[in-house]
Amino acid sequence: MQAIFGIGAIGIAIWQIFISKEYFNNIKKQSSPLLLALIALIASLIFAAVLIVYGVTTLYSLL
């Protein structure tokens, strides 16, 4: 069960980074304020980083 959580967290983090990259590419085309868009982008990348750390530590604890 721990392995599923670890792999799932890493998978979601990779997906989150991909979505953040697409969002960053589309920031110029959006009508939202630039500051709020950057805050959302940074929060998304922090969430992805936390998921990667959680996934790796979970998988490492199984060894």
Protein backbone atom coordinates (compact mmCIF):
# COMPACT_ATOMS: atom_id res chain seq x y z
CA MET A 1 0.00 0.00 0.00
CA GLN A 2 2.86 2.38 0.80
CA ALA A 3 4.40 1.68 -2.60
CA ILE A 4 1.15 2.62 -4.32
CA PHE A 5 1.01 5.90 -2.38
CA GLY A 6 4.64 6.67 -3.23
CA ILE A 7 4.30 5.93 -6.93
CA GLY A 8 0.98 7.76 -7.07
CA ALA A 9 2.43 10.86 -5.40
CA ILE A 10 5.34 10.95 -7.85
CA GLY A 11 2.96 10.48 -10.78
CA ILE A 12 0.69 13.30 -9.63
CA ALA A 13 3.73 15.54 -9.09
CA ILE A 14 4.97 14.93 -12.63
CA TRP A 15 1.50 15.68 -13.98
CA GLN A 16 1.36 18.85 -11.86
CA ILE A 17 4.70 20.04 -13.24
CA PHE A 18 3.50 19.41 -16.81
CA ILE A 19 0.28 21.35 -16.18
CA SER A 20 2.24 24.19 -14.55
CA LYS A 21 4.48 24.40 -17.61
CA GLU A 22 1.43 24.66 -19.88
CA TYR A 23 -0.10 27.28 -17.57
CA PHE A 24 3.14 29.28 -17.63
CA ASN A 25 3.14 29.23 -21.43
CA ASN A 26 -0.44 30.56 -21.48
CA ILE A 27 -0.04 33.30 -18.84
CA LYS A 28 0.42 35.99 -21.50
CA LYS A 29 -2.88 35.10 -23.16
CA GLN A 30 -4.94 35.17 -19.95
CA SER A 31 -6.92 38.09 -18.66
CA SER A 32 -6.09 37.42 -15.01
CA PRO A 33 -3.63 39.74 -13.25
CA LEU A 34 -0.02 38.68 -13.71
CA LEU A 35 0.78 38.71 -9.99
CA LEU A 36 -2.07 36.34 -9.13
CA ALA A 37 -1.14 34.04 -12.00
CA LEU A 38 2.47 33.86 -10.77
CA ILE A 39 1.32 33.16 -7.21
CA ALA A 40 -0.85 30.30 -8.48
CA LEU A 41 2.03 28.96 -10.55
CA ILE A 42 4.46 29.05 -7.63
CA ALA A 43 1.93 27.39 -5.31
CA SER A 44 1.39 24.66 -7.88
CA LEU A 45 5.12 24.00 -8.20
CA ILE A 46 5.54 23.94 -4.41
CA PHE A 47 2.73 21.38 -4.21
CA ALA A 48 4.49 19.28 -6.84
CA ALA A 49 7.78 19.49 -4.93
CA VAL A 50 6.09 18.35 -1.72
CA LEU A 51 4.52 15.42 -3.54
CA ILE A 52 7.87 14.39 -5.02
CA VAL A 53 9.56 14.51 -1.61
CA TYR A 54 6.71 12.53 -0.06
CA GLY A 55 6.79 9.93 -2.83
CA VAL A 56 10.53 9.46 -2.72
CA THR A 57 10.67 9.22 1.08
CA THR A 58 7.78 6.77 1.08
CA LEU A 59 9.47 4.54 -1.47
CA TYR A 60 12.84 4.90 0.27
CA SER A 61 11.34 3.76 3.58
CA LEU A 62 10.30 0.50 1.93
CA LEU A 63 13.91 -0.48 1.18
